[in-house]
N, C-alpha and C. Protein backbone atom coordinates (compact mmCIF):
# COMPACT_ATOMS: atom_id res chain seq x y z
N MET A 1 0.83 -1.18 -0.01
CA MET A 1 0.00 0.01 0.00
C MET A 1 0.87 1.26 0.00
N PHE A 2 1.88 1.29 0.85
CA PHE A 2 2.74 2.49 0.97
C PHE A 2 3.70 2.63 -0.25
N ALA A 3 3.80 1.58 -1.03
CA ALA A 3 4.74 1.63 -2.16
C ALA A 3 4.41 2.79 -3.12
N ASN A 4 3.16 3.08 -3.29
CA ASN A 4 2.75 4.17 -4.18
C ASN A 4 2.96 5.55 -3.54
N TYR A 5 3.10 5.57 -2.25
CA TYR A 5 3.17 6.87 -1.55
C TYR A 5 4.58 7.25 -1.08
N TRP A 6 5.58 6.49 -1.44
CA TRP A 6 6.92 6.80 -0.98
C TRP A 6 7.39 8.20 -1.36
N PRO A 7 7.06 8.73 -2.55
CA PRO A 7 7.50 10.10 -2.82
C PRO A 7 6.85 11.13 -1.85
N HIS A 8 5.58 10.90 -1.53
CA HIS A 8 4.87 11.81 -0.61
C HIS A 8 5.48 11.73 0.83
N LEU A 9 5.77 10.52 1.24
CA LEU A 9 6.38 10.32 2.59
C LEU A 9 7.74 10.91 2.65
N LEU A 10 8.52 10.74 1.56
CA LEU A 10 9.84 11.33 1.52
C LEU A 10 9.77 12.85 1.60
N ALA A 11 8.79 13.45 0.88
CA ALA A 11 8.65 14.89 0.93
C ALA A 11 8.30 15.37 2.32
N VAL A 12 7.45 14.66 3.01
CA VAL A 12 7.09 15.02 4.41
C VAL A 12 8.32 14.90 5.31
N ALA A 13 9.11 13.84 5.12
CA ALA A 13 10.30 13.65 5.92
C ALA A 13 11.33 14.79 5.63
N ALA A 14 11.46 15.15 4.34
CA ALA A 14 12.38 16.25 4.02
C ALA A 14 11.91 17.55 4.65
N GLY A 15 10.58 17.79 4.64
CA GLY A 15 10.09 18.98 5.29
C GLY A 15 10.32 19.01 6.79
N ALA A 16 10.15 17.82 7.42
CA ALA A 16 10.49 17.75 8.85
C ALA A 16 11.95 17.99 9.08
N GLY A 17 12.76 17.50 8.17
CA GLY A 17 14.22 17.70 8.28
C GLY A 17 14.59 19.19 8.23
N LEU A 18 13.79 20.01 7.49
CA LEU A 18 14.11 21.44 7.42
C LEU A 18 13.99 22.08 8.79
N THR A 19 12.95 21.71 9.52
CA THR A 19 12.80 22.30 10.88
C THR A 19 13.98 21.94 11.75
N ILE A 20 14.38 20.69 11.69
CA ILE A 20 15.53 20.24 12.47
C ILE A 20 16.79 20.93 12.04
N GLN A 21 16.98 21.07 10.75
CA GLN A 21 18.17 21.73 10.21
C GLN A 21 18.25 23.20 10.67
N ILE A 22 17.12 23.86 10.65
CA ILE A 22 17.10 25.28 11.09
C ILE A 22 17.52 25.38 12.56
N GLY A 23 17.00 24.48 13.36
CA GLY A 23 17.40 24.48 14.80
C GLY A 23 18.88 24.21 14.99
N MET A 24 19.38 23.22 14.22
CA MET A 24 20.82 22.92 14.34
C MET A 24 21.68 24.13 13.89
N ASN A 25 21.31 24.73 12.76
CA ASN A 25 22.09 25.85 12.25
C ASN A 25 21.98 27.06 13.19
N SER A 26 20.82 27.28 13.77
CA SER A 26 20.64 28.39 14.67
C SER A 26 21.53 28.19 15.92
N THR A 27 21.57 26.99 16.44
CA THR A 27 22.40 26.68 17.58
C THR A 27 23.87 26.88 17.22
N LEU A 28 24.27 26.42 16.05
CA LEU A 28 25.64 26.61 15.59
C LEU A 28 25.96 28.11 15.47
N SER A 29 25.01 28.85 14.90
CA SER A 29 25.23 30.30 14.73
C SER A 29 25.38 31.00 16.07
N ARG A 30 24.49 30.67 17.00
CA ARG A 30 24.58 31.29 18.36
C ARG A 30 25.90 30.96 19.01
N THR A 31 26.33 29.71 18.87
CA THR A 31 27.53 29.23 19.57
C THR A 31 28.80 29.85 18.99
N ILE A 32 28.90 29.91 17.68
CA ILE A 32 30.11 30.46 17.06
C ILE A 32 30.04 31.93 16.82
N GLY A 33 28.82 32.50 16.89
CA GLY A 33 28.64 33.96 16.77
C GLY A 33 28.55 34.47 15.36
N SER A 34 28.21 33.62 14.40
CA SER A 34 28.12 34.11 13.04
C SER A 34 27.12 33.27 12.21
N THR A 35 26.06 33.97 11.74
CA THR A 35 25.09 33.26 10.89
C THR A 35 25.74 32.81 9.58
N LEU A 36 26.55 33.66 9.00
CA LEU A 36 27.15 33.25 7.73
C LEU A 36 28.15 32.11 7.87
N TRP A 37 28.95 32.07 8.93
CA TRP A 37 29.86 30.98 9.08
C TRP A 37 29.12 29.69 9.49
N ALA A 38 28.04 29.82 10.15
CA ALA A 38 27.20 28.62 10.46
C ALA A 38 26.65 28.08 9.12
N SER A 39 26.23 28.96 8.21
CA SER A 39 25.73 28.55 6.89
C SER A 39 26.82 27.93 6.07
N VAL A 40 28.01 28.50 6.11
CA VAL A 40 29.15 27.91 5.40
C VAL A 40 29.43 26.50 5.92
N THR A 41 29.41 26.35 7.23
CA THR A 41 29.62 25.04 7.83
C THR A 41 28.58 24.06 7.38
N ASN A 42 27.32 24.50 7.34
CA ASN A 42 26.22 23.67 6.89
C ASN A 42 26.45 23.18 5.44
N PHE A 43 26.86 24.11 4.56
CA PHE A 43 27.05 23.72 3.17
C PHE A 43 28.34 22.88 3.01
N THR A 44 29.36 23.13 3.79
CA THR A 44 30.56 22.32 3.71
C THR A 44 30.29 20.88 4.06
N ILE A 45 29.58 20.67 5.17
CA ILE A 45 29.26 19.31 5.60
C ILE A 45 28.31 18.68 4.58
N GLY A 46 27.36 19.42 4.10
CA GLY A 46 26.42 18.91 3.07
C GLY A 46 27.18 18.53 1.80
N LEU A 47 28.09 19.38 1.38
CA LEU A 47 28.90 19.08 0.17
C LEU A 47 29.66 17.79 0.36
N MET A 48 30.30 17.62 1.47
CA MET A 48 31.06 16.43 1.74
C MET A 48 30.18 15.18 1.68
N ALA A 49 28.99 15.27 2.25
CA ALA A 49 28.08 14.14 2.25
C ALA A 49 27.64 13.84 0.85
N LEU A 50 27.34 14.85 0.06
CA LEU A 50 26.89 14.63 -1.35
C LEU A 50 28.00 14.04 -2.17
N VAL A 51 29.23 14.51 -2.01
CA VAL A 51 30.38 13.96 -2.77
C VAL A 51 30.56 12.48 -2.43
N ILE A 52 30.47 12.14 -1.11
CA ILE A 52 30.63 10.71 -0.70
C ILE A 52 29.52 9.88 -1.33
N CYS A 53 28.27 10.36 -1.32
CA CYS A 53 27.16 9.62 -1.90
C CYS A 53 27.36 9.49 -3.42
N ALA A 54 27.76 10.55 -4.07
CA ALA A 54 27.96 10.52 -5.55
C ALA A 54 29.06 9.53 -5.90
N LEU A 55 30.15 9.50 -5.16
CA LEU A 55 31.23 8.56 -5.40
C LEU A 55 30.76 7.13 -5.11
N ALA A 56 30.05 6.95 -4.02
CA ALA A 56 29.60 5.61 -3.67
C ALA A 56 28.59 5.07 -4.66
N LEU A 57 27.70 5.90 -5.21
CA LEU A 57 26.68 5.43 -6.13
C LEU A 57 27.15 5.34 -7.55
N GLY A 58 28.34 5.89 -7.83
CA GLY A 58 28.90 5.81 -9.17
C GLY A 58 28.25 6.83 -10.10
N GLY A 59 28.43 6.56 -11.36
CA GLY A 59 27.86 7.46 -12.38
C GLY A 59 28.82 8.60 -12.60
N ARG A 60 28.80 9.11 -13.78
CA ARG A 60 29.70 10.19 -14.14
C ARG A 60 28.94 11.28 -14.87
N ILE A 61 29.47 12.47 -14.91
CA ILE A 61 28.94 13.57 -15.70
C ILE A 61 29.65 13.57 -17.05
N ALA A 62 28.88 13.58 -18.11
CA ALA A 62 29.46 13.68 -19.45
C ALA A 62 29.92 15.11 -19.64
N PRO A 63 31.21 15.34 -19.85
CA PRO A 63 31.70 16.74 -19.99
C PRO A 63 30.95 17.56 -21.02
N ALA A 64 30.51 16.95 -22.11
CA ALA A 64 29.79 17.70 -23.13
C ALA A 64 28.45 18.19 -22.63
N SER A 65 27.86 17.51 -21.65
CA SER A 65 26.56 17.95 -21.16
C SER A 65 26.64 19.21 -20.36
N ILE A 66 27.80 19.50 -19.81
CA ILE A 66 27.94 20.71 -18.98
C ILE A 66 27.69 21.98 -19.80
N ALA A 67 28.13 22.00 -21.03
CA ALA A 67 27.95 23.15 -21.87
C ALA A 67 26.48 23.35 -22.25
N GLN A 68 25.65 22.34 -22.11
CA GLN A 68 24.26 22.43 -22.51
C GLN A 68 23.36 22.90 -21.39
N VAL A 69 23.87 23.09 -20.19
CA VAL A 69 23.07 23.52 -19.07
C VAL A 69 22.79 25.01 -19.24
N PRO A 70 21.48 25.42 -19.16
CA PRO A 70 21.18 26.86 -19.25
C PRO A 70 21.90 27.64 -18.16
N GLY A 71 22.32 28.81 -18.43
CA GLY A 71 23.04 29.64 -17.45
C GLY A 71 22.32 29.81 -16.15
N TRP A 72 21.00 30.02 -16.21
CA TRP A 72 20.22 30.25 -14.96
C TRP A 72 20.21 29.02 -14.07
N ALA A 73 20.38 27.85 -14.64
CA ALA A 73 20.28 26.61 -13.83
C ALA A 73 21.48 26.46 -12.86
N TRP A 74 22.54 27.16 -13.14
CA TRP A 74 23.72 27.10 -12.28
C TRP A 74 23.51 27.89 -11.00
N LEU A 75 22.50 28.74 -10.91
CA LEU A 75 22.35 29.63 -9.79
C LEU A 75 21.47 29.07 -8.67
N GLY A 76 21.04 27.83 -8.74
CA GLY A 76 20.20 27.27 -7.71
C GLY A 76 20.93 27.23 -6.35
N GLY A 77 22.21 27.05 -6.41
CA GLY A 77 23.01 27.07 -5.15
C GLY A 77 22.93 28.38 -4.43
N LEU A 78 22.83 29.49 -5.18
CA LEU A 78 22.69 30.81 -4.54
C LEU A 78 21.38 30.89 -3.76
N LEU A 79 20.31 30.39 -4.36
CA LEU A 79 19.04 30.37 -3.66
C LEU A 79 19.08 29.49 -2.44
N GLY A 80 19.77 28.36 -2.54
CA GLY A 80 19.90 27.47 -1.40
C GLY A 80 20.72 28.13 -0.28
N ALA A 81 21.75 28.84 -0.64
CA ALA A 81 22.57 29.55 0.35
C ALA A 81 21.74 30.67 0.97
N GLY A 82 20.98 31.35 0.19
CA GLY A 82 20.09 32.40 0.77
C GLY A 82 19.07 31.82 1.70
N TYR A 83 18.48 30.70 1.32
CA TYR A 83 17.52 30.03 2.17
C TYR A 83 18.13 29.63 3.50
N VAL A 84 19.28 28.94 3.45
CA VAL A 84 19.89 28.45 4.70
C VAL A 84 20.30 29.63 5.60
N ALA A 85 20.95 30.65 5.02
CA ALA A 85 21.35 31.81 5.82
C ALA A 85 20.13 32.54 6.39
N SER A 86 19.08 32.72 5.57
CA SER A 86 17.90 33.44 6.11
C SER A 86 17.22 32.62 7.20
N ALA A 87 17.06 31.34 6.96
CA ALA A 87 16.40 30.49 7.99
C ALA A 87 17.20 30.47 9.26
N THR A 88 18.51 30.41 9.17
CA THR A 88 19.42 30.38 10.32
C THR A 88 19.26 31.69 11.10
N LEU A 89 19.17 32.78 10.40
CA LEU A 89 19.04 34.10 11.03
C LEU A 89 17.63 34.31 11.63
N LEU A 90 16.59 33.89 10.87
CA LEU A 90 15.23 34.20 11.24
C LEU A 90 14.60 33.20 12.22
N GLY A 91 15.09 31.94 12.22
CA GLY A 91 14.53 30.91 13.10
C GLY A 91 14.41 31.33 14.54
N PRO A 92 15.49 31.83 15.16
CA PRO A 92 15.36 32.24 16.54
C PRO A 92 14.50 33.46 16.79
N ARG A 93 14.36 34.25 15.75
CA ARG A 93 13.54 35.49 15.89
C ARG A 93 12.04 35.22 15.74
N LEU A 94 11.71 34.30 14.82
CA LEU A 94 10.32 34.06 14.52
C LEU A 94 9.73 32.81 15.19
N GLY A 95 10.62 31.86 15.53
CA GLY A 95 10.17 30.56 16.01
C GLY A 95 10.04 29.60 14.86
N ALA A 96 10.14 28.32 15.14
CA ALA A 96 10.09 27.31 14.09
C ALA A 96 8.78 27.31 13.33
N LEU A 97 7.65 27.38 14.00
CA LEU A 97 6.36 27.26 13.38
C LEU A 97 6.08 28.45 12.48
N ALA A 98 6.29 29.65 12.99
CA ALA A 98 6.07 30.86 12.17
C ALA A 98 7.00 30.93 10.95
N LEU A 99 8.28 30.59 11.18
CA LEU A 99 9.21 30.61 10.07
C LEU A 99 8.81 29.62 8.98
N LEU A 100 8.50 28.43 9.37
CA LEU A 100 8.15 27.42 8.35
C LEU A 100 6.80 27.77 7.69
N ALA A 101 5.90 28.37 8.41
CA ALA A 101 4.63 28.77 7.82
C ALA A 101 4.86 29.87 6.77
N LEU A 102 5.74 30.82 7.08
CA LEU A 102 6.03 31.87 6.09
C LEU A 102 6.82 31.35 4.91
N LEU A 103 7.76 30.44 5.17
CA LEU A 103 8.49 29.81 4.07
C LEU A 103 7.54 29.05 3.17
N LEU A 104 6.61 28.33 3.76
CA LEU A 104 5.64 27.59 3.00
C LEU A 104 4.75 28.51 2.17
N ALA A 105 4.34 29.63 2.76
CA ALA A 105 3.50 30.58 2.05
C ALA A 105 4.28 31.09 0.80
N GLY A 106 5.52 31.42 0.99
CA GLY A 106 6.36 31.90 -0.14
C GLY A 106 6.47 30.80 -1.21
N GLN A 107 6.69 29.58 -0.76
CA GLN A 107 6.84 28.45 -1.71
C GLN A 107 5.55 28.25 -2.48
N LEU A 108 4.41 28.31 -1.80
CA LEU A 108 3.14 28.11 -2.45
C LEU A 108 2.86 29.18 -3.47
N LEU A 109 3.10 30.43 -3.14
CA LEU A 109 2.86 31.50 -4.11
C LEU A 109 3.72 31.39 -5.35
N SER A 110 5.00 31.08 -5.14
CA SER A 110 5.89 30.95 -6.30
C SER A 110 5.57 29.69 -7.10
N ALA A 111 5.15 28.61 -6.39
CA ALA A 111 4.78 27.38 -7.10
C ALA A 111 3.56 27.54 -7.97
N LEU A 112 2.58 28.34 -7.48
CA LEU A 112 1.39 28.59 -8.35
C LEU A 112 1.86 29.25 -9.64
N LEU A 113 2.70 30.23 -9.58
CA LEU A 113 3.17 30.92 -10.77
C LEU A 113 4.01 29.99 -11.66
N VAL A 114 4.96 29.27 -11.06
CA VAL A 114 5.81 28.37 -11.82
C VAL A 114 4.97 27.32 -12.53
N ASP A 115 4.01 26.72 -11.85
CA ASP A 115 3.13 25.74 -12.47
C ASP A 115 2.27 26.34 -13.58
N GLN A 116 1.76 27.54 -13.32
CA GLN A 116 0.90 28.18 -14.30
C GLN A 116 1.58 28.36 -15.66
N VAL A 117 2.83 28.80 -15.57
CA VAL A 117 3.59 29.08 -16.83
C VAL A 117 4.47 27.90 -17.28
N GLY A 118 4.64 26.89 -16.43
CA GLY A 118 5.51 25.76 -16.80
C GLY A 118 6.97 26.17 -16.86
N ALA A 119 7.41 26.98 -15.88
CA ALA A 119 8.75 27.49 -15.90
C ALA A 119 9.74 26.52 -15.22
N LEU A 120 11.04 26.75 -15.47
CA LEU A 120 12.10 26.09 -14.78
C LEU A 120 12.08 24.56 -14.92
N GLY A 121 11.55 24.07 -15.98
CA GLY A 121 11.50 22.62 -16.21
C GLY A 121 10.35 21.92 -15.63
N PHE A 122 9.47 22.64 -14.94
CA PHE A 122 8.24 21.99 -14.37
C PHE A 122 7.19 21.91 -15.48
N PRO A 123 6.35 20.90 -15.43
CA PRO A 123 5.26 20.83 -16.41
C PRO A 123 4.26 21.96 -16.17
N ARG A 124 3.60 22.40 -17.23
CA ARG A 124 2.58 23.44 -17.08
C ARG A 124 1.35 22.83 -16.46
N VAL A 125 0.95 23.36 -15.32
CA VAL A 125 -0.25 22.90 -14.63
C VAL A 125 -1.07 24.16 -14.30
N PRO A 126 -2.13 24.43 -15.05
CA PRO A 126 -2.90 25.68 -14.85
C PRO A 126 -3.42 25.82 -13.41
N VAL A 127 -3.48 27.03 -13.00
CA VAL A 127 -4.12 27.35 -11.69
C VAL A 127 -5.65 27.18 -11.87
N THR A 128 -6.17 26.29 -11.01
CA THR A 128 -7.62 26.14 -11.00
C THR A 128 -8.16 26.77 -9.75
N SER A 129 -9.47 26.92 -9.68
CA SER A 129 -10.06 27.52 -8.50
C SER A 129 -9.79 26.63 -7.27
N THR A 130 -9.75 25.31 -7.45
CA THR A 130 -9.47 24.42 -6.33
C THR A 130 -8.03 24.60 -5.81
N ARG A 131 -7.09 24.64 -6.76
CA ARG A 131 -5.69 24.84 -6.33
C ARG A 131 -5.48 26.22 -5.68
N LEU A 132 -6.13 27.23 -6.26
CA LEU A 132 -6.01 28.55 -5.71
C LEU A 132 -6.61 28.59 -4.29
N LEU A 133 -7.76 27.97 -4.10
CA LEU A 133 -8.38 27.94 -2.77
C LEU A 133 -7.48 27.21 -1.78
N GLY A 134 -6.90 26.09 -2.19
CA GLY A 134 -5.96 25.38 -1.31
C GLY A 134 -4.80 26.27 -0.92
N ALA A 135 -4.22 27.01 -1.86
CA ALA A 135 -3.11 27.89 -1.51
C ALA A 135 -3.56 29.03 -0.60
N VAL A 136 -4.71 29.60 -0.89
CA VAL A 136 -5.28 30.68 -0.04
C VAL A 136 -5.46 30.16 1.40
N LEU A 137 -6.01 28.96 1.54
CA LEU A 137 -6.21 28.39 2.87
C LEU A 137 -4.90 28.14 3.59
N LEU A 138 -3.90 27.67 2.85
CA LEU A 138 -2.59 27.47 3.48
C LEU A 138 -1.93 28.75 3.89
N VAL A 139 -2.05 29.81 3.07
CA VAL A 139 -1.53 31.11 3.41
C VAL A 139 -2.31 31.67 4.62
N ALA A 140 -3.62 31.47 4.62
CA ALA A 140 -4.42 31.89 5.75
C ALA A 140 -3.97 31.15 7.02
N GLY A 141 -3.69 29.88 6.89
CA GLY A 141 -3.14 29.13 8.00
C GLY A 141 -1.83 29.70 8.51
N ALA A 142 -0.97 30.11 7.56
CA ALA A 142 0.27 30.71 7.95
C ALA A 142 0.03 32.02 8.74
N LEU A 143 -0.94 32.80 8.29
CA LEU A 143 -1.24 34.05 8.99
C LEU A 143 -1.80 33.75 10.39
N LEU A 144 -2.63 32.70 10.49
CA LEU A 144 -3.15 32.34 11.85
C LEU A 144 -2.02 31.89 12.75
N ILE A 145 -1.10 31.17 12.19
CA ILE A 145 0.07 30.72 12.99
C ILE A 145 0.87 31.89 13.50
N MET A 146 0.92 32.98 12.73
CA MET A 146 1.70 34.17 13.14
C MET A 146 1.07 34.86 14.34
N ARG A 147 -0.21 34.66 14.55
CA ARG A 147 -0.87 35.32 15.71
C ARG A 147 -0.44 34.59 16.96
N ARG A 148 -0.01 35.33 17.94
CA ARG A 148 0.45 34.71 19.19
C ARG A 148 -0.52 34.97 20.29
């Protein structure tokens, strides 16, 4: 039964991991006194883990394929760095729930647009009233979470 749902469960687990990661990075930042160096440490350890996994799983990059990558596709790491540094800085100020609710609201709004136009390699999925209502309800939930 769960065989068909493994991508969904993995997405939930990855989302849960974000909360844990923010807490770890915030603790590191507080302890060493630098949000940026905590983020650098996060990326360094992450890079080492990814290199080990890539080497262990094999596979190679065809050098000719590198020239075919669109220029904008190389900049994803900048967005990842901005996310990690922002979350590390804002987590202690906003709290885990409010931060993740706001991050989710931003993700939902950009995902609606990306899906609508089929940008960045995603398939085109038009915004329907049902999808829009779901996003509005999730953003409303984020706003309710912000109330203390």
